[in-house]
N, C-alpha and C. Protein backbone atom coordinates (compact mmCIF):
# COMPACT_ATOMS: atom_id res chain seq x y z
N UNK A 1 0.83 -0.98 -0.12
CA UNK A 1 -0.66 -0.50 -0.35
C UNK A 1 0.36 1.17 0.29
N UNK A 2 0.39 2.52 -0.58
CA UNK A 2 1.65 3.65 -0.58
C UNK A 2 1.02 4.47 0.13
N UNK A 3 1.68 5.39 0.76
CA UNK A 3 1.37 6.42 1.76
C UNK A 3 0.85 7.36 0.85
N UNK A 4 0.61 8.35 1.35
CA UNK A 4 -0.04 9.73 1.48
C UNK A 4 0.39 10.39 -0.02
N UNK A 5 1.75 10.56 0.43
CA UNK A 5 2.45 11.69 -0.25
C UNK A 5 3.16 10.75 -1.45
N UNK A 6 3.49 9.53 -1.21
CA UNK A 6 3.81 9.01 -2.74
C UNK A 6 2.59 8.24 -4.11
N UNK A 7 0.90 8.06 -3.13
CA UNK A 7 -0.40 8.68 -4.11
C UNK A 7 -0.36 9.51 -4.13
N UNK A 8 -0.42 11.15 -3.46
CA UNK A 8 0.04 11.89 -4.16
C UNK A 8 0.62 12.09 -5.69
N UNK A 9 2.17 11.83 -5.16
CA UNK A 9 3.17 12.31 -6.79
C UNK A 9 2.20 11.12 -7.73
N UNK A 10 2.07 10.12 -7.31
CA UNK A 10 1.29 8.94 -8.46
C UNK A 10 0.15 10.03 -9.13
N UNK A 11 -0.97 9.90 -8.64
CA UNK A 11 -1.94 11.29 -9.34
C UNK A 11 -1.00 12.48 -9.74
N UNK A 12 -0.23 13.50 -9.55
CA UNK A 12 0.10 14.56 -9.83
C UNK A 12 1.16 13.83 -10.68
N UNK A 13 1.54 13.03 -10.79
CA UNK A 13 2.01 12.68 -12.57
C UNK A 13 1.16 12.44 -14.01
N UNK A 14 0.27 11.67 -12.94
CA UNK A 14 -0.25 10.95 -14.34
C UNK A 14 -1.71 12.59 -14.02
N UNK A 15 -1.58 13.56 -13.77
CA UNK A 15 -2.47 15.00 -14.18
C UNK A 15 -1.37 15.15 -15.24
N UNK A 16 -0.26 15.26 -15.05
CA UNK A 16 1.03 15.93 -15.68
C UNK A 16 0.89 15.13 -17.14
N UNK A 17 0.71 13.95 -16.85
CA UNK A 17 0.35 12.61 -18.14
C UNK A 17 -0.76 13.21 -18.99
N UNK A 18 -1.83 13.26 -18.44
CA UNK A 18 -2.98 13.73 -18.77
C UNK A 18 -3.25 15.09 -19.63
N UNK A 19 -1.86 16.09 -18.65
CA UNK A 19 -2.31 17.10 -18.67
C UNK A 19 -1.11 17.72 -20.79
N UNK A 20 -0.48 16.58 -20.65
CA UNK A 20 0.64 16.55 -22.11
C UNK A 20 -0.28 15.89 -23.07
N UNK A 21 -0.69 14.81 -22.82
CA UNK A 21 -1.38 14.17 -23.77
C UNK A 21 -2.87 15.28 -24.41
N UNK A 22 -3.24 15.61 -23.95
CA UNK A 22 -4.89 16.78 -23.86
C UNK A 22 -3.92 18.28 -24.79
N UNK A 23 -2.65 18.71 -24.25
CA UNK A 23 -2.44 19.58 -25.42
C UNK A 23 -1.70 18.68 -27.04
N UNK A 24 -1.36 17.59 -26.48
CA UNK A 24 -0.78 16.95 -27.85
C UNK A 24 -2.03 16.95 -29.05
N UNK A 25 -3.18 16.49 -28.04
CA UNK A 25 -4.63 16.17 -28.45
C UNK A 25 -4.39 17.62 -29.45
N UNK A 26 -4.67 18.65 -28.83
CA UNK A 26 -5.20 20.48 -29.05
C UNK A 26 -4.22 20.77 -30.51
N UNK A 27 -2.80 19.71 -30.33
CA UNK A 27 -2.19 20.46 -30.77
C UNK A 27 -2.57 20.02 -32.74
N UNK A 28 -2.47 17.93 -32.20
CA UNK A 28 -3.28 17.37 -33.64
C UNK A 28 -4.43 18.39 -34.83
N UNK A 29 -5.34 18.82 -33.87
CA UNK A 29 -6.41 19.39 -33.79
C UNK A 29 -6.57 20.77 -34.47
N UNK A 30 -5.40 21.29 -34.17
CA UNK A 30 -5.75 22.82 -34.72
C UNK A 30 -4.75 22.44 -35.73
N UNK A 31 -3.88 21.57 -36.64
CA UNK A 31 -3.27 21.34 -37.06
C UNK A 31 -4.07 20.84 -38.51
N UNK A 32 -4.65 19.92 -37.18
CA UNK A 32 -6.14 19.67 -38.93
C UNK A 32 -6.94 20.70 -39.30
N UNK A 33 -6.95 21.35 -38.26
CA UNK A 33 -8.11 22.39 -38.94
C UNK A 33 -7.75 23.47 -39.27
N UNK A 34 -5.92 23.82 -39.51
CA UNK A 34 -5.42 24.55 -40.71
C UNK A 34 -5.72 23.54 -42.14
N UNK A 35 -5.33 22.18 -41.72
CA UNK A 35 -5.28 21.59 -42.77
C UNK A 35 -7.28 21.05 -43.60
N UNK A 36 -7.82 21.28 -42.77
CA UNK A 36 -9.20 21.58 -43.34
C UNK A 36 -9.37 23.05 -44.01
N UNK A 37 -9.04 23.58 -43.81
CA UNK A 37 -9.04 24.92 -44.21
C UNK A 37 -8.22 25.59 -45.12
N UNK A 38 -7.68 25.07 -45.27
CA UNK A 38 -6.21 24.17 -46.54
C UNK A 38 -7.34 24.06 -47.52
N UNK A 39 -7.98 23.00 -46.87
CA UNK A 39 -8.46 21.84 -48.07
C UNK A 39 -9.71 23.27 -48.52
N UNK A 40 -10.55 23.45 -47.18
CA UNK A 40 -11.26 24.37 -47.84
C UNK A 40 -11.58 25.22 -48.99
N UNK A 41 -10.60 25.60 -49.04
CA UNK A 41 -9.59 26.97 -49.97
C UNK A 41 -9.25 26.41 -51.28
N UNK A 42 -8.58 25.49 -51.43
CA UNK A 42 -8.22 25.12 -52.56
C UNK A 42 -9.50 24.31 -53.61
N UNK A 43 -10.36 24.05 -52.55
CA UNK A 43 -11.86 23.55 -53.19
C UNK A 43 -13.07 24.90 -53.62
N UNK A 44 -12.67 25.13 -53.12
CA UNK A 44 -13.52 26.95 -53.08
C UNK A 44 -12.39 27.83 -54.89
N UNK A 45 -11.52 27.28 -54.91
CA UNK A 45 -10.53 28.16 -56.02
C UNK A 45 -10.91 26.90 -57.24
N UNK A 46 -11.33 25.83 -56.47
CA UNK A 46 -11.01 24.99 -57.73
C UNK A 46 -13.00 25.21 -58.60
N UNK A 47 -13.49 25.80 -57.55
CA UNK A 47 -14.99 25.30 -57.70
C UNK A 47 -15.77 26.80 -58.64
N UNK A 48 -14.57 27.80 -58.43
CA UNK A 48 -14.36 29.27 -59.26
C UNK A 48 -13.62 29.39 -59.98
N UNK A 49 -12.27 28.36 -60.59
CA UNK A 49 -11.81 28.47 -61.64
C UNK A 49 -12.93 27.15 -62.82
N UNK A 50 -13.41 26.10 -62.00
CA UNK A 50 -14.76 25.13 -62.93
C UNK A 50 -15.62 26.18 -62.96
N UNK A 51 -15.94 27.28 -62.82
CA UNK A 51 -17.63 28.22 -62.87
C UNK A 51 -16.95 29.04 -63.71
N UNK A 52 -15.16 29.57 -63.59
CA UNK A 52 -14.68 30.45 -64.39
C UNK A 52 -15.38 30.00 -65.77
N UNK A 53 -14.37 28.70 -66.00
CA UNK A 53 -14.45 27.89 -66.97
C UNK A 53 -15.66 27.57 -67.33
N UNK A 54 -16.86 27.51 -67.33
CA UNK A 54 -17.89 27.31 -67.34
C UNK A 54 -18.38 28.20 -67.69
N UNK A 55 -18.55 29.25 -67.65
CA UNK A 55 -18.64 30.78 -67.93
C UNK A 55 -18.77 30.56 -69.18
N UNK A 56 -16.97 30.75 -69.77
CA UNK A 56 -15.74 31.25 -70.86
C UNK A 56 -16.28 30.21 -71.71
N UNK A 57 -16.97 29.34 -72.01
CA UNK A 57 -17.67 28.23 -72.73
C UNK A 57 -18.75 28.58 -72.48
N UNK A 58 -19.41 28.84 -71.78
CA UNK A 58 -20.92 29.61 -72.11
C UNK A 58 -20.90 30.44 -73.12
N UNK A 59 -19.47 31.26 -72.36
CA UNK A 59 -19.26 32.68 -73.81
C UNK A 59 -18.77 32.64 -74.95
N UNK A 60 -17.92 31.38 -75.12
CA UNK A 60 -17.32 31.22 -75.98
C UNK A 60 -18.71 31.07 -77.18
N UNK A 61 -19.45 30.18 -76.82
CA UNK A 61 -21.02 28.67 -76.84
C UNK A 61 -21.73 30.35 -77.75
N UNK A 62 -22.16 31.16 -77.41
CA UNK A 62 -22.88 32.78 -77.52
C UNK A 62 -22.35 33.03 -78.48
N UNK A 63 -20.53 33.18 -78.75
CA UNK A 63 -19.97 33.74 -79.18
C UNK A 63 -19.93 32.99 -80.66
N UNK A 64 -20.06 31.95 -81.11
CA UNK A 64 -20.34 30.53 -82.08
C UNK A 64 -22.09 30.86 -82.42
N UNK A 65 -22.88 30.86 -81.85
CA UNK A 65 -24.57 30.92 -82.44
C UNK A 65 -24.28 32.44 -82.53
N UNK A 66 -23.89 32.97 -82.41
CA UNK A 66 -23.79 34.75 -82.62
C UNK A 66 -23.16 34.58 -84.30
N UNK A 67 -22.21 34.21 -84.07
CA UNK A 67 -21.39 34.28 -85.92
C UNK A 67 -22.07 33.04 -86.58
N UNK A 68 -22.44 32.12 -85.73
CA UNK A 68 -23.48 31.17 -86.74
C UNK A 68 -25.09 32.05 -87.73
N UNK A 69 -25.74 32.93 -86.24
CA UNK A 69 -26.27 34.03 -87.55
C UNK A 69 -25.98 34.52 -88.05
N UNK A 70 -24.90 35.15 -87.57
CA UNK A 70 -24.17 36.14 -89.00
C UNK A 70 -24.20 35.88 -90.04
N UNK A 71 -23.13 34.21 -90.52
CA UNK A 71 -23.33 33.89 -91.52
C UNK A 71 -24.03 33.20 -92.15
N UNK A 72 -25.39 32.85 -91.25
CA UNK A 72 -26.42 32.31 -92.01
C UNK A 72 -27.57 33.68 -92.53
N UNK A 73 -27.05 34.60 -92.28
CA UNK A 73 -28.07 36.05 -92.85
C UNK A 73 -26.77 36.79 -93.59
N UNK A 74 -25.13 36.53 -93.57
CA UNK A 74 -24.50 36.26 -94.69
C UNK A 74 -25.03 36.10 -96.08
N UNK A 75 -25.63 34.53 -95.78
CA UNK A 75 -25.51 33.81 -97.26
C UNK A 75 -26.88 33.79 -97.45
N UNK A 76 -28.36 34.15 -96.86
CA UNK A 76 -28.93 34.85 -97.55
C UNK A 76 -28.94 36.02 -98.07
N UNK A 77 -28.45 37.03 -97.16
CA UNK A 77 -27.97 38.14 -97.99
C UNK A 77 -27.12 37.98 -99.49
N UNK A 78 -26.08 37.12 -100.02
CA UNK A 78 -25.12 36.23 -100.88
C UNK A 78 -26.62 36.20 -101.61
N UNK A 79 -27.25 35.21 -101.10
CA UNK A 79 -28.52 34.80 -102.17
C UNK A 79 -29.71 35.52 -102.34
N UNK A 80 -30.17 36.45 -101.48
CA UNK A 80 -30.67 37.39 -102.36
C UNK A 80 -30.41 38.92 -103.21
N UNK A 81 -29.06 38.59 -103.03
CA UNK A 81 -28.51 39.40 -103.94
C UNK A 81 -27.91 38.60 -105.41
N UNK A 82 -27.43 37.05 -105.05
CA UNK A 82 -27.82 37.07 -106.40
C UNK A 82 -29.18 36.89 -107.24
N UNK A 83 -30.00 35.85 -106.80
CA UNK A 83 -31.36 35.72 -107.36
C UNK A 83 -32.00 37.59 -107.58
N UNK A 84 -31.09 38.86 -107.15
CA UNK A 84 -31.39 39.85 -107.59
C UNK A 84 -31.00 40.01 -108.83
N UNK A 85 -29.77 39.63 -109.23
CA UNK A 85 -28.79 40.55 -110.22
C UNK A 85 -29.38 39.05 -111.34
N UNK A 86 -29.58 37.88 -111.07
CA UNK A 86 -29.96 37.23 -112.20
C UNK A 86 -31.28 37.41 -112.27
N UNK A 87 -32.59 38.10 -111.46
CA UNK A 87 -33.79 39.10 -112.31
C UNK A 87 -33.62 40.47 -113.05
N UNK A 88 -32.15 40.42 -113.01
CA UNK A 88 -31.92 42.00 -113.21
C UNK A 88 -31.21 41.83 -114.77
N UNK A 89 -30.50 40.55 -114.45
CA UNK A 89 -29.38 39.92 -115.97
C UNK A 89 -30.91 39.62 -116.81
N UNK A 90 -32.63 38.68 -116.76
CA UNK A 90 -32.87 38.82 -117.03
C UNK A 90 -34.40 40.13 -118.18
N UNK A 91 -34.53 40.90 -116.49
CA UNK A 91 -34.51 42.09 -117.84
C UNK A 91 -34.06 42.86 -118.59
N UNK A 92 -33.00 42.82 -118.05
CA UNK A 92 -32.42 43.77 -119.40
C UNK A 92 -32.38 42.86 -120.66
N UNK A 93 -31.46 40.98 -120.39
CA UNK A 93 -32.19 40.28 -121.81
C UNK A 93 -33.21 40.51 -122.37
N UNK A 94 -34.39 40.75 -121.45
CA UNK A 94 -36.01 41.17 -121.95
C UNK A 94 -36.19 42.76 -123.11
N UNK A 95 -35.23 42.94 -121.90
CA UNK A 95 -35.38 44.57 -122.40
C UNK A 95 -35.05 44.87 -123.92
N UNK A 96 -33.60 44.03 -123.89
CA UNK A 96 -32.95 44.13 -125.01
C UNK A 96 -33.58 43.45 -126.58
N UNK A 97 -33.93 42.41 -125.82
CA UNK A 97 -34.37 41.30 -127.24
C UNK A 97 -35.89 42.09 -127.12
N UNK A 98 -36.40 42.81 -126.61
CA UNK A 98 -37.88 44.52 -127.55
C UNK A 98 -37.63 44.94 -127.16
N UNK A 99 -36.56 45.80 -127.51
CA UNK A 99 -36.08 47.21 -128.54
C UNK A 99 -36.07 46.70 -129.84
N UNK A 100 -36.58 48.29 -130.37
CA UNK A 100 -36.47 47.63 -131.86
C UNK A 100 -34.85 47.81 -131.93
N UNK A 101 -34.90 47.72 -133.32
CA UNK A 101 -33.88 47.54 -134.30
C UNK A 101 -33.91 49.38 -134.88
N UNK A 102 -33.10 49.73 -135.43
CA UNK A 102 -33.11 51.20 -135.69
C UNK A 102 -31.62 51.24 -137.44
């Protein structure tokens, strides 16, 4: 059996050991918390970059869509010009043929 002083020393040592283990656990928790914060920042940055790329993609599609519409409009105008030119040439040919020769 332990005397009172030895028992007190054993209890004090257990308290010191427990406090050291608690301090170590707190330090690990702090490091893990910092690591989690860093991972959250990286994840947020990755989502931001993904959103930026997606917006760039959408913008590109919008620009491509506008270019396609412009191409279609230009082709339509060229077809209208061709039809008008053919009609004018026909009118000219008919006019020349219907003119009296003098």
